[in-house]
mmCIF file of all heavy atoms, coordinates in Angstrom:
data_MODEL
# 
_entry.id   MODEL 
# 
loop_
_atom_site.group_PDB 
_atom_site.id 
_atom_site.type_symbol 
_atom_site.label_atom_id 
_atom_site.label_alt_id 
_atom_site.label_comp_id 
_atom_site.label_asym_id 
_atom_site.label_entity_id 
_atom_site.label_seq_id 
_atom_site.pdbx_PDB_ins_code 
_atom_site.Cartn_x 
_atom_site.Cartn_y 
_atom_site.Cartn_z 
_atom_site.occupancy 
_atom_site.B_iso_or_equiv 
_atom_site.pdbx_formal_charge 
_atom_site.auth_seq_id 
_atom_site.auth_comp_id 
_atom_site.auth_asym_id 
_atom_site.auth_atom_id 
_atom_site.pdbx_PDB_model_num 
ATOM 1   N N   . ASP A 1 1  ? 10.361 6.512  -17.409 1.00 0.00 ? 1  ASP A N   1 
ATOM 2   C CA  . ASP A 1 1  ? 10.294 7.711  -18.247 1.00 0.00 ? 1  ASP A CA  1 
ATOM 3   C C   . ASP A 1 1  ? 11.363 8.675  -17.752 1.00 0.00 ? 1  ASP A C   1 
ATOM 4   O O   . ASP A 1 1  ? 12.132 8.361  -16.854 1.00 0.00 ? 1  ASP A O   1 
ATOM 5   C CB  . ASP A 1 1  ? 8.918  8.366  -18.159 1.00 0.00 ? 1  ASP A CB  1 
ATOM 6   C CG  . ASP A 1 1  ? 7.820  7.499  -18.793 1.00 0.00 ? 1  ASP A CG  1 
ATOM 7   O OD1 . ASP A 1 1  ? 8.169  6.589  -19.559 1.00 0.00 ? 1  ASP A OD1 1 
ATOM 8   O OD2 . ASP A 1 1  ? 6.636  7.748  -18.517 1.00 0.00 ? 1  ASP A OD2 1 
ATOM 9   N N   . ASN A 1 2  ? 11.392 9.851  -18.265 1.00 0.00 ? 2  ASN A N   1 
ATOM 10  C CA  . ASN A 1 2  ? 12.359 10.855 -17.863 1.00 0.00 ? 2  ASN A CA  1 
ATOM 11  C C   . ASN A 1 2  ? 12.168 11.181 -16.385 1.00 0.00 ? 2  ASN A C   1 
ATOM 12  O O   . ASN A 1 2  ? 11.215 11.869 -16.001 1.00 0.00 ? 2  ASN A O   1 
ATOM 13  C CB  . ASN A 1 2  ? 12.194 12.105 -18.728 1.00 0.00 ? 2  ASN A CB  1 
ATOM 14  C CG  . ASN A 1 2  ? 13.235 13.167 -18.430 1.00 0.00 ? 2  ASN A CG  1 
ATOM 15  O OD1 . ASN A 1 2  ? 13.789 13.216 -17.333 1.00 0.00 ? 2  ASN A OD1 1 
ATOM 16  N ND2 . ASN A 1 2  ? 13.466 14.010 -19.402 1.00 0.00 ? 2  ASN A ND2 1 
ATOM 17  N N   . LEU A 1 3  ? 13.043 10.668 -15.547 1.00 0.00 ? 3  LEU A N   1 
ATOM 18  C CA  . LEU A 1 3  ? 12.891 10.814 -14.095 1.00 0.00 ? 3  LEU A CA  1 
ATOM 19  C C   . LEU A 1 3  ? 13.042 12.259 -13.635 1.00 0.00 ? 3  LEU A C   1 
ATOM 20  O O   . LEU A 1 3  ? 12.345 12.699 -12.720 1.00 0.00 ? 3  LEU A O   1 
ATOM 21  C CB  . LEU A 1 3  ? 13.880 9.926  -13.356 1.00 0.00 ? 3  LEU A CB  1 
ATOM 22  C CG  . LEU A 1 3  ? 13.715 8.427  -13.560 1.00 0.00 ? 3  LEU A CG  1 
ATOM 23  C CD1 . LEU A 1 3  ? 14.701 7.659  -12.711 1.00 0.00 ? 3  LEU A CD1 1 
ATOM 24  C CD2 . LEU A 1 3  ? 12.301 7.986  -13.251 1.00 0.00 ? 3  LEU A CD2 1 
ATOM 25  N N   . ASP A 1 4  ? 13.935 13.005 -14.278 1.00 0.00 ? 4  ASP A N   1 
ATOM 26  C CA  . ASP A 1 4  ? 14.113 14.413 -13.898 1.00 0.00 ? 4  ASP A CA  1 
ATOM 27  C C   . ASP A 1 4  ? 12.843 15.207 -14.187 1.00 0.00 ? 4  ASP A C   1 
ATOM 28  O O   . ASP A 1 4  ? 12.428 16.039 -13.381 1.00 0.00 ? 4  ASP A O   1 
ATOM 29  C CB  . ASP A 1 4  ? 15.305 15.033 -14.618 1.00 0.00 ? 4  ASP A CB  1 
ATOM 30  C CG  . ASP A 1 4  ? 16.629 14.470 -14.151 1.00 0.00 ? 4  ASP A CG  1 
ATOM 31  O OD1 . ASP A 1 4  ? 16.706 14.010 -12.987 1.00 0.00 ? 4  ASP A OD1 1 
ATOM 32  O OD2 . ASP A 1 4  ? 17.588 14.463 -14.948 1.00 0.00 ? 4  ASP A OD2 1 
ATOM 33  N N   . GLU A 1 5  ? 12.229 14.928 -15.316 1.00 0.00 ? 5  GLU A N   1 
ATOM 34  C CA  . GLU A 1 5  ? 10.978 15.611 -15.672 1.00 0.00 ? 5  GLU A CA  1 
ATOM 35  C C   . GLU A 1 5  ? 9.869  15.194 -14.724 1.00 0.00 ? 5  GLU A C   1 
ATOM 36  O O   . GLU A 1 5  ? 9.071  16.028 -14.286 1.00 0.00 ? 5  GLU A O   1 
ATOM 37  C CB  . GLU A 1 5  ? 10.611 15.255 -17.110 1.00 0.00 ? 5  GLU A CB  1 
ATOM 38  C CG  . GLU A 1 5  ? 9.402  16.022 -17.625 1.00 0.00 ? 5  GLU A CG  1 
ATOM 39  C CD  . GLU A 1 5  ? 9.124  15.690 -19.087 1.00 0.00 ? 5  GLU A CD  1 
ATOM 40  O OE1 . GLU A 1 5  ? 10.053 15.778 -19.912 1.00 0.00 ? 5  GLU A OE1 1 
ATOM 41  O OE2 . GLU A 1 5  ? 7.970  15.316 -19.367 1.00 0.00 ? 5  GLU A OE2 1 
ATOM 42  N N   . ALA A 1 6  ? 9.804  13.912 -14.386 1.00 0.00 ? 6  ALA A N   1 
ATOM 43  C CA  . ALA A 1 6  ? 8.790  13.406 -13.446 1.00 0.00 ? 6  ALA A CA  1 
ATOM 44  C C   . ALA A 1 6  ? 8.964  14.056 -12.092 1.00 0.00 ? 6  ALA A C   1 
ATOM 45  O O   . ALA A 1 6  ? 7.988  14.438 -11.435 1.00 0.00 ? 6  ALA A O   1 
ATOM 46  C CB  . ALA A 1 6  ? 8.880  11.891 -13.346 1.00 0.00 ? 6  ALA A CB  1 
ATOM 47  N N   . GLU A 1 7  ? 10.209 14.179 -11.642 1.00 0.00 ? 7  GLU A N   1 
ATOM 48  C CA  . GLU A 1 7  ? 10.495 14.809 -10.355 1.00 0.00 ? 7  GLU A CA  1 
ATOM 49  C C   . GLU A 1 7  ? 10.031 16.253 -10.361 1.00 0.00 ? 7  GLU A C   1 
ATOM 50  O O   . GLU A 1 7  ? 9.350  16.700 -9.420  1.00 0.00 ? 7  GLU A O   1 
ATOM 51  C CB  . GLU A 1 7  ? 11.999 14.749 -10.067 1.00 0.00 ? 7  GLU A CB  1 
ATOM 52  C CG  . GLU A 1 7  ? 12.405 15.496 -8.820  1.00 0.00 ? 7  GLU A CG  1 
ATOM 53  C CD  . GLU A 1 7  ? 13.905 15.554 -8.622  1.00 0.00 ? 7  GLU A CD  1 
ATOM 54  O OE1 . GLU A 1 7  ? 14.673 15.214 -9.546  1.00 0.00 ? 7  GLU A OE1 1 
ATOM 55  O OE2 . GLU A 1 7  ? 14.325 15.963 -7.527  1.00 0.00 ? 7  GLU A OE2 1 
ATOM 56  N N   . LEU A 1 8  ? 10.369 16.984 -11.396 1.00 0.00 ? 8  LEU A N   1 
ATOM 57  C CA  . LEU A 1 8  ? 9.990  18.396 -11.489 1.00 0.00 ? 8  LEU A CA  1 
ATOM 58  C C   . LEU A 1 8  ? 8.464  18.528 -11.501 1.00 0.00 ? 8  LEU A C   1 
ATOM 59  O O   . LEU A 1 8  ? 7.909  19.373 -10.781 1.00 0.00 ? 8  LEU A O   1 
ATOM 60  C CB  . LEU A 1 8  ? 10.594 19.024 -12.745 1.00 0.00 ? 8  LEU A CB  1 
ATOM 61  C CG  . LEU A 1 8  ? 10.290 20.496 -12.985 1.00 0.00 ? 8  LEU A CG  1 
ATOM 62  C CD1 . LEU A 1 8  ? 10.838 21.348 -11.840 1.00 0.00 ? 8  LEU A CD1 1 
ATOM 63  C CD2 . LEU A 1 8  ? 10.883 20.938 -14.318 1.00 0.00 ? 8  LEU A CD2 1 
ATOM 64  N N   . HIS A 1 9  ? 7.788  17.698 -12.271 1.00 0.00 ? 9  HIS A N   1 
ATOM 65  C CA  . HIS A 1 9  ? 6.322  17.758 -12.348 1.00 0.00 ? 9  HIS A CA  1 
ATOM 66  C C   . HIS A 1 9  ? 5.693  17.472 -10.985 1.00 0.00 ? 9  HIS A C   1 
ATOM 67  O O   . HIS A 1 9  ? 4.781  18.177 -10.549 1.00 0.00 ? 9  HIS A O   1 
ATOM 68  C CB  . HIS A 1 9  ? 5.819  16.766 -13.394 1.00 0.00 ? 9  HIS A CB  1 
ATOM 69  C CG  . HIS A 1 9  ? 4.333  16.698 -13.482 1.00 0.00 ? 9  HIS A CG  1 
ATOM 70  N ND1 . HIS A 1 9  ? 3.582  17.720 -14.046 1.00 0.00 ? 9  HIS A ND1 1 
ATOM 71  C CD2 . HIS A 1 9  ? 3.453  15.765 -13.063 1.00 0.00 ? 9  HIS A CD2 1 
ATOM 72  C CE1 . HIS A 1 9  ? 2.299  17.409 -13.965 1.00 0.00 ? 9  HIS A CE1 1 
ATOM 73  N NE2 . HIS A 1 9  ? 2.194  16.226 -13.372 1.00 0.00 ? 9  HIS A NE2 1 
ATOM 74  N N   . PHE A 1 10 ? 6.184  16.443 -10.309 1.00 0.00 ? 10 PHE A N   1 
ATOM 75  C CA  . PHE A 1 10 ? 5.658  16.091 -8.988  1.00 0.00 ? 10 PHE A CA  1 
ATOM 76  C C   . PHE A 1 10 ? 5.851  17.239 -7.999  1.00 0.00 ? 10 PHE A C   1 
ATOM 77  O O   . PHE A 1 10 ? 4.911  17.630 -7.299  1.00 0.00 ? 10 PHE A O   1 
ATOM 78  C CB  . PHE A 1 10 ? 6.348  14.815 -8.482  1.00 0.00 ? 10 PHE A CB  1 
ATOM 79  C CG  . PHE A 1 10 ? 6.017  14.468 -7.048  1.00 0.00 ? 10 PHE A CG  1 
ATOM 80  C CD1 . PHE A 1 10 ? 4.716  14.198 -6.661  1.00 0.00 ? 10 PHE A CD1 1 
ATOM 81  C CD2 . PHE A 1 10 ? 7.015  14.399 -6.095  1.00 0.00 ? 10 PHE A CD2 1 
ATOM 82  C CE1 . PHE A 1 10 ? 4.412  13.865 -5.344  1.00 0.00 ? 10 PHE A CE1 1 
ATOM 83  C CE2 . PHE A 1 10 ? 6.720  14.067 -4.779  1.00 0.00 ? 10 PHE A CE2 1 
ATOM 84  C CZ  . PHE A 1 10 ? 5.423  13.799 -4.405  1.00 0.00 ? 10 PHE A CZ  1 
ATOM 85  N N   . LYS A 1 11 ? 7.035  17.780 -7.947  1.00 0.00 ? 11 LYS A N   1 
ATOM 86  C CA  . LYS A 1 11 ? 7.315  18.876 -7.004  1.00 0.00 ? 11 LYS A CA  1 
ATOM 87  C C   . LYS A 1 11 ? 6.466  20.099 -7.310  1.00 0.00 ? 11 LYS A C   1 
ATOM 88  O O   . LYS A 1 11 ? 5.938  20.743 -6.391  1.00 0.00 ? 11 LYS A O   1 
ATOM 89  C CB  . LYS A 1 11 ? 8.808  19.235 -7.048  1.00 0.00 ? 11 LYS A CB  1 
ATOM 90  C CG  . LYS A 1 11 ? 9.686  18.203 -6.383  1.00 0.00 ? 11 LYS A CG  1 
ATOM 91  C CD  . LYS A 1 11 ? 11.135 18.629 -6.438  1.00 0.00 ? 11 LYS A CD  1 
ATOM 92  C CE  . LYS A 1 11 ? 12.018 17.671 -5.668  1.00 0.00 ? 11 LYS A CE  1 
ATOM 93  N NZ  . LYS A 1 11 ? 13.445 18.078 -5.718  1.00 0.00 ? 11 LYS A NZ  1 
ATOM 94  N N   . GLN A 1 12 ? 6.299  20.422 -8.587  1.00 0.00 ? 12 GLN A N   1 
ATOM 95  C CA  . GLN A 1 12 ? 5.492  21.591 -8.959  1.00 0.00 ? 12 GLN A CA  1 
ATOM 96  C C   . GLN A 1 12 ? 4.034  21.357 -8.600  1.00 0.00 ? 12 GLN A C   1 
ATOM 97  O O   . GLN A 1 12 ? 3.368  22.243 -8.055  1.00 0.00 ? 12 GLN A O   1 
ATOM 98  C CB  . GLN A 1 12 ? 5.607  21.882 -10.452 1.00 0.00 ? 12 GLN A CB  1 
ATOM 99  C CG  . GLN A 1 12 ? 6.913  22.515 -10.834 1.00 0.00 ? 12 GLN A CG  1 
ATOM 100 C CD  . GLN A 1 12 ? 7.029  22.716 -12.338 1.00 0.00 ? 12 GLN A CD  1 
ATOM 101 O OE1 . GLN A 1 12 ? 6.406  22.028 -13.137 1.00 0.00 ? 12 GLN A OE1 1 
ATOM 102 N NE2 . GLN A 1 12 ? 7.884  23.663 -12.713 1.00 0.00 ? 12 GLN A NE2 1 
ATOM 103 N N   . LYS A 1 13 ? 3.529  20.160 -8.906  1.00 0.00 ? 13 LYS A N   1 
ATOM 104 C CA  . LYS A 1 13 ? 2.118  19.847 -8.627  1.00 0.00 ? 13 LYS A CA  1 
ATOM 105 C C   . LYS A 1 13 ? 1.805  19.958 -7.129  1.00 0.00 ? 13 LYS A C   1 
ATOM 106 O O   . LYS A 1 13 ? 0.827  20.585 -6.735  1.00 0.00 ? 13 LYS A O   1 
ATOM 107 C CB  . LYS A 1 13 ? 1.820  18.435 -9.133  1.00 0.00 ? 13 LYS A CB  1 
ATOM 108 C CG  . LYS A 1 13 ? 0.389  18.038 -9.044  1.00 0.00 ? 13 LYS A CG  1 
ATOM 109 C CD  . LYS A 1 13 ? 0.165  16.671 -9.691  1.00 0.00 ? 13 LYS A CD  1 
ATOM 110 C CE  . LYS A 1 13 ? -1.296 16.308 -9.638  1.00 0.00 ? 13 LYS A CE  1 
ATOM 111 N NZ  . LYS A 1 13 ? -1.563 15.046 -10.341 1.00 0.00 ? 13 LYS A NZ  1 
ATOM 112 N N   . VAL A 1 14 ? 2.680  19.369 -6.320  1.00 0.00 ? 14 VAL A N   1 
ATOM 113 C CA  . VAL A 1 14 ? 2.454  19.418 -4.863  1.00 0.00 ? 14 VAL A CA  1 
ATOM 114 C C   . VAL A 1 14 ? 2.643  20.836 -4.339  1.00 0.00 ? 14 VAL A C   1 
ATOM 115 O O   . VAL A 1 14 ? 1.854  21.318 -3.526  1.00 0.00 ? 14 VAL A O   1 
ATOM 116 C CB  . VAL A 1 14 ? 3.400  18.423 -4.151  1.00 0.00 ? 14 VAL A CB  1 
ATOM 117 C CG1 . VAL A 1 14 ? 3.338  18.617 -2.643  1.00 0.00 ? 14 VAL A CG1 1 
ATOM 118 C CG2 . VAL A 1 14 ? 3.025  16.989 -4.520  1.00 0.00 ? 14 VAL A CG2 1 
ATOM 119 N N   . SER A 1 15 ? 3.688  21.522 -4.793  1.00 0.00 ? 15 SER A N   1 
ATOM 120 C CA  . SER A 1 15 ? 3.996  22.862 -4.292  1.00 0.00 ? 15 SER A CA  1 
ATOM 121 C C   . SER A 1 15 ? 2.931  23.888 -4.642  1.00 0.00 ? 15 SER A C   1 
ATOM 122 O O   . SER A 1 15 ? 2.707  24.838 -3.902  1.00 0.00 ? 15 SER A O   1 
ATOM 123 C CB  . SER A 1 15 ? 5.357  23.323 -4.802  1.00 0.00 ? 15 SER A CB  1 
ATOM 124 O OG  . SER A 1 15 ? 6.375  22.510 -4.266  1.00 0.00 ? 15 SER A OG  1 
ATOM 125 N N   . GLU A 1 16 ? 2.263  23.700 -5.775  1.00 0.00 ? 16 GLU A N   1 
ATOM 126 C CA  . GLU A 1 16 ? 1.169  24.606 -6.154  1.00 0.00 ? 16 GLU A CA  1 
ATOM 127 C C   . GLU A 1 16 ? -0.002 24.463 -5.181  1.00 0.00 ? 16 GLU A C   1 
ATOM 128 O O   . GLU A 1 16 ? -0.734 25.412 -4.937  1.00 0.00 ? 16 GLU A O   1 
ATOM 129 C CB  . GLU A 1 16 ? 0.708  24.339 -7.583  1.00 0.00 ? 16 GLU A CB  1 
ATOM 130 C CG  . GLU A 1 16 ? 1.679  24.842 -8.616  1.00 0.00 ? 16 GLU A CG  1 
ATOM 131 C CD  . GLU A 1 16 ? 1.326  24.417 -10.029 1.00 0.00 ? 16 GLU A CD  1 
ATOM 132 O OE1 . GLU A 1 16 ? 0.279  23.763 -10.238 1.00 0.00 ? 16 GLU A OE1 1 
ATOM 133 O OE2 . GLU A 1 16 ? 2.100  24.736 -10.937 1.00 0.00 ? 16 GLU A OE2 1 
ATOM 134 N N   . PHE A 1 17 ? -0.176 23.266 -4.635  1.00 0.00 ? 17 PHE A N   1 
ATOM 135 C CA  . PHE A 1 17 ? -1.269 23.015 -3.699  1.00 0.00 ? 17 PHE A CA  1 
ATOM 136 C C   . PHE A 1 17 ? -0.872 23.370 -2.269  1.00 0.00 ? 17 PHE A C   1 
ATOM 137 O O   . PHE A 1 17 ? -1.689 23.893 -1.506  1.00 0.00 ? 17 PHE A O   1 
ATOM 138 C CB  . PHE A 1 17 ? -1.669 21.533 -3.789  1.00 0.00 ? 17 PHE A CB  1 
ATOM 139 C CG  . PHE A 1 17 ? -2.983 21.220 -3.149  1.00 0.00 ? 17 PHE A CG  1 
ATOM 140 C CD1 . PHE A 1 17 ? -4.163 21.503 -3.779  1.00 0.00 ? 17 PHE A CD1 1 
ATOM 141 C CD2 . PHE A 1 17 ? -3.019 20.636 -1.885  1.00 0.00 ? 17 PHE A CD2 1 
ATOM 142 C CE1 . PHE A 1 17 ? -5.379 21.231 -3.187  1.00 0.00 ? 17 PHE A CE1 1 
ATOM 143 C CE2 . PHE A 1 17 ? -4.228 20.355 -1.287  1.00 0.00 ? 17 PHE A CE2 1 
ATOM 144 C CZ  . PHE A 1 17 ? -5.407 20.655 -1.935  1.00 0.00 ? 17 PHE A CZ  1 
ATOM 145 N N   . ASP A 1 18 ? 0.372  23.070 -1.907  1.00 0.00 ? 18 ASP A N   1 
ATOM 146 C CA  . ASP A 1 18 ? 0.884  23.339 -0.548  1.00 0.00 ? 18 ASP A CA  1 
ATOM 147 C C   . ASP A 1 18 ? 2.402  23.467 -0.672  1.00 0.00 ? 18 ASP A C   1 
ATOM 148 O O   . ASP A 1 18 ? 3.076  22.503 -1.010  1.00 0.00 ? 18 ASP A O   1 
ATOM 149 C CB  . ASP A 1 18 ? 0.516  22.188 0.389   1.00 0.00 ? 18 ASP A CB  1 
ATOM 150 C CG  . ASP A 1 18 ? 1.032  22.372 1.819   1.00 0.00 ? 18 ASP A CG  1 
ATOM 151 O OD1 . ASP A 1 18 ? 1.568  23.451 2.133   1.00 0.00 ? 18 ASP A OD1 1 
ATOM 152 O OD2 . ASP A 1 18 ? 0.919  21.420 2.606   1.00 0.00 ? 18 ASP A OD2 1 
ATOM 153 N N   . HIS A 1 19 ? 2.931  24.629 -0.371  1.00 0.00 ? 19 HIS A N   1 
ATOM 154 C CA  . HIS A 1 19 ? 4.376  24.872 -0.545  1.00 0.00 ? 19 HIS A CA  1 
ATOM 155 C C   . HIS A 1 19 ? 5.235  24.184 0.516   1.00 0.00 ? 19 HIS A C   1 
ATOM 156 O O   . HIS A 1 19 ? 6.433  24.009 0.343   1.00 0.00 ? 19 HIS A O   1 
ATOM 157 C CB  . HIS A 1 19 ? 4.660  26.375 -0.519  1.00 0.00 ? 19 HIS A CB  1 
ATOM 158 C CG  . HIS A 1 19 ? 4.576  26.963 0.855   1.00 0.00 ? 19 HIS A CG  1 
ATOM 159 N ND1 . HIS A 1 19 ? 3.383  27.277 1.444   1.00 0.00 ? 19 HIS A ND1 1 
ATOM 160 C CD2 . HIS A 1 19 ? 5.544  27.246 1.753   1.00 0.00 ? 19 HIS A CD2 1 
ATOM 161 C CE1 . HIS A 1 19 ? 3.618  27.741 2.662   1.00 0.00 ? 19 HIS A CE1 1 
ATOM 162 N NE2 . HIS A 1 19 ? 4.916  27.735 2.880   1.00 0.00 ? 19 HIS A NE2 1 
ATOM 163 N N   . ILE A 1 20 ? 4.662  23.738 1.604   1.00 0.00 ? 20 ILE A N   1 
ATOM 164 C CA  . ILE A 1 20 ? 5.411  23.209 2.755   1.00 0.00 ? 20 ILE A CA  1 
ATOM 165 C C   . ILE A 1 20 ? 6.222  21.942 2.437   1.00 0.00 ? 20 ILE A C   1 
ATOM 166 O O   . ILE A 1 20 ? 7.390  21.864 2.824   1.00 0.00 ? 20 ILE A O   1 
ATOM 167 C CB  . ILE A 1 20 ? 4.487  23.005 3.954   1.00 0.00 ? 20 ILE A CB  1 
ATOM 168 C CG1 . ILE A 1 20 ? 3.936  24.349 4.425   1.00 0.00 ? 20 ILE A CG1 1 
ATOM 169 C CG2 . ILE A 1 20 ? 5.209  22.298 5.100   1.00 0.00 ? 20 ILE A CG2 1 
ATOM 170 C CD1 . ILE A 1 20 ? 2.811  24.246 5.417   1.00 0.00 ? 20 ILE A CD1 1 
ATOM 171 N N   . PRO A 1 21 ? 5.675  20.935 1.734   1.00 0.00 ? 21 PRO A N   1 
ATOM 172 C CA  . PRO A 1 21 ? 6.432  19.695 1.550   1.00 0.00 ? 21 PRO A CA  1 
ATOM 173 C C   . PRO A 1 21 ? 7.801  19.878 0.886   1.00 0.00 ? 21 PRO A C   1 
ATOM 174 O O   . PRO A 1 21 ? 8.736  19.136 1.178   1.00 0.00 ? 21 PRO A O   1 
ATOM 175 C CB  . PRO A 1 21 ? 5.520  18.844 0.685   1.00 0.00 ? 21 PRO A CB  1 
ATOM 176 C CG  . PRO A 1 21 ? 4.153  19.328 1.011   1.00 0.00 ? 21 PRO A CG  1 
ATOM 177 C CD  . PRO A 1 21 ? 4.310  20.810 1.239   1.00 0.00 ? 21 PRO A CD  1 
ATOM 178 N N   . PHE A 1 22 ? 7.948  20.849 0.014   1.00 0.00 ? 22 PHE A N   1 
ATOM 179 C CA  . PHE A 1 22 ? 9.240  21.061 -0.672  1.00 0.00 ? 22 PHE A CA  1 
ATOM 180 C C   . PHE A 1 22 ? 9.820  22.437 -0.381  1.00 0.00 ? 22 PHE A C   1 
ATOM 181 O O   . PHE A 1 22 ? 10.621 22.963 -1.141  1.00 0.00 ? 22 PHE A O   1 
ATOM 182 C CB  . PHE A 1 22 ? 9.057  20.862 -2.191  1.00 0.00 ? 22 PHE A CB  1 
ATOM 183 C CG  . PHE A 1 22 ? 8.740  19.447 -2.556  1.00 0.00 ? 22 PHE A CG  1 
ATOM 184 C CD1 . PHE A 1 22 ? 7.456  19.101 -2.932  1.00 0.00 ? 22 PHE A CD1 1 
ATOM 185 C CD2 . PHE A 1 22 ? 9.710  18.472 -2.494  1.00 0.00 ? 22 PHE A CD2 1 
ATOM 186 C CE1 . PHE A 1 22 ? 7.141  17.790 -3.264  1.00 0.00 ? 22 PHE A CE1 1 
ATOM 187 C CE2 . PHE A 1 22 ? 9.415  17.154 -2.807  1.00 0.00 ? 22 PHE A CE2 1 
ATOM 188 C CZ  . PHE A 1 22 ? 8.125  16.807 -3.189  1.00 0.00 ? 22 PHE A CZ  1 
ATOM 189 N N   . ALA A 1 23 ? 9.459  22.995 0.765   1.00 0.00 ? 23 ALA A N   1 
ATOM 190 C CA  . ALA A 1 23 ? 9.948  24.335 1.130   1.00 0.00 ? 23 ALA A CA  1 
ATOM 191 C C   . ALA A 1 23 ? 11.454 24.344 1.393   1.00 0.00 ? 23 ALA A C   1 
ATOM 192 O O   . ALA A 1 23 ? 12.108 25.361 1.208   1.00 0.00 ? 23 ALA A O   1 
ATOM 193 C CB  . ALA A 1 23 ? 9.189  24.865 2.344   1.00 0.00 ? 23 ALA A CB  1 
ATOM 194 N N   . HIS A 1 24 ? 11.987 23.212 1.816   1.00 0.00 ? 24 HIS A N   1 
ATOM 195 C CA  . HIS A 1 24 ? 13.418 23.112 2.126   1.00 0.00 ? 24 HIS A CA  1 
ATOM 196 C C   . HIS A 1 24 ? 14.023 21.944 1.363   1.00 0.00 ? 24 HIS A C   1 
ATOM 197 O O   . HIS A 1 24 ? 13.380 20.904 1.207   1.00 0.00 ? 24 HIS A O   1 
ATOM 198 C CB  . HIS A 1 24 ? 13.641 22.901 3.625   1.00 0.00 ? 24 HIS A CB  1 
ATOM 199 C CG  . HIS A 1 24 ? 13.026 23.981 4.451   1.00 0.00 ? 24 HIS A CG  1 
ATOM 200 N ND1 . HIS A 1 24 ? 13.557 25.233 4.538   1.00 0.00 ? 24 HIS A ND1 1 
ATOM 201 C CD2 . HIS A 1 24 ? 11.909 23.981 5.215   1.00 0.00 ? 24 HIS A CD2 1 
ATOM 202 C CE1 . HIS A 1 24 ? 12.789 25.974 5.318   1.00 0.00 ? 24 HIS A CE1 1 
ATOM 203 N NE2 . HIS A 1 24 ? 11.777 25.239 5.738   1.00 0.00 ? 24 HIS A NE2 1 
ATOM 204 N N   . GLU A 1 25 ? 15.255 22.101 0.906   1.00 0.00 ? 25 GLU A N   1 
ATOM 205 C CA  . GLU A 1 25 ? 15.928 21.038 0.160   1.00 0.00 ? 25 GLU A CA  1 
ATOM 206 C C   . GLU A 1 25 ? 16.083 19.774 0.982   1.00 0.00 ? 25 GLU A C   1 
ATOM 207 O O   . GLU A 1 25 ? 16.150 18.678 0.448   1.00 0.00 ? 25 GLU A O   1 
ATOM 208 C CB  . GLU A 1 25 ? 17.293 21.508 -0.326  1.00 0.00 ? 25 GLU A CB  1 
ATOM 209 C CG  . GLU A 1 25 ? 17.217 22.417 -1.527  1.00 0.00 ? 25 GLU A CG  1 
ATOM 210 C CD  . GLU A 1 25 ? 18.582 22.733 -2.081  1.00 0.00 ? 25 GLU A CD  1 
ATOM 211 O OE1 . GLU A 1 25 ? 19.461 21.843 -2.079  1.00 0.00 ? 25 GLU A OE1 1 
ATOM 212 O OE2 . GLU A 1 25 ? 18.768 23.864 -2.523  1.00 0.00 ? 25 GLU A OE2 1 
ATOM 213 N N   . ALA A 1 26 ? 16.170 19.909 2.303   1.00 0.00 ? 26 ALA A N   1 
ATOM 214 C CA  . ALA A 1 26 ? 16.379 18.755 3.172   1.00 0.00 ? 26 ALA A CA  1 
ATOM 215 C C   . ALA A 1 26 ? 15.075 18.218 3.762   1.00 0.00 ? 26 ALA A C   1 
ATOM 216 O O   . ALA A 1 26 ? 15.099 17.465 4.714   1.00 0.00 ? 26 ALA A O   1 
ATOM 217 C CB  . ALA A 1 26 ? 17.340 19.133 4.296   1.00 0.00 ? 26 ALA A CB  1 
ATOM 218 N N   . SER A 1 27 ? 13.928 18.588 3.175   1.00 0.00 ? 27 SER A N   1 
ATOM 219 C CA  . SER A 1 27 ? 12.655 18.111 3.695   1.00 0.00 ? 27 SER A CA  1 
ATOM 220 C C   . SER A 1 27 ? 12.521 16.602 3.485   1.00 0.00 ? 27 SER A C   1 
ATOM 221 O O   . SER A 1 27 ? 13.220 15.994 2.671   1.00 0.00 ? 27 SER A O   1 
ATOM 222 C CB  . SER A 1 27 ? 11.497 18.816 2.989   1.00 0.00 ? 27 SER A CB  1 
ATOM 223 O OG  . SER A 1 27 ? 11.335 18.328 1.679   1.00 0.00 ? 27 SER A OG  1 
ATOM 224 N N   . GLU A 1 28 ? 11.606 15.998 4.235   1.00 0.00 ? 28 GLU A N   1 
ATOM 225 C CA  . GLU A 1 28 ? 11.386 14.557 4.098   1.00 0.00 ? 28 GLU A CA  1 
ATOM 226 C C   . GLU A 1 28 ? 10.982 14.202 2.666   1.00 0.00 ? 28 GLU A C   1 
ATOM 227 O O   . GLU A 1 28 ? 11.482 13.220 2.107   1.00 0.00 ? 28 GLU A O   1 
ATOM 228 C CB  . GLU A 1 28 ? 10.313 14.085 5.085   1.00 0.00 ? 28 GLU A CB  1 
ATOM 229 C CG  . GLU A 1 28 ? 10.738 14.137 6.517   1.00 0.00 ? 28 GLU A CG  1 
ATOM 230 C CD  . GLU A 1 28 ? 11.939 13.233 6.806   1.00 0.00 ? 28 GLU A CD  1 
ATOM 231 O OE1 . GLU A 1 28 ? 12.002 12.111 6.302   1.00 0.00 ? 28 GLU A OE1 1 
ATOM 232 O OE2 . GLU A 1 28 ? 12.822 13.685 7.547   1.00 0.00 ? 28 GLU A OE2 1 
# 
């Protein structure tokens, strides 16, 4: 499916619960 949209959705979903995993562009 639209990978860019999937990426954005995943990052938003996780970040709403815990901001730490995507707090930095170079995160794991």
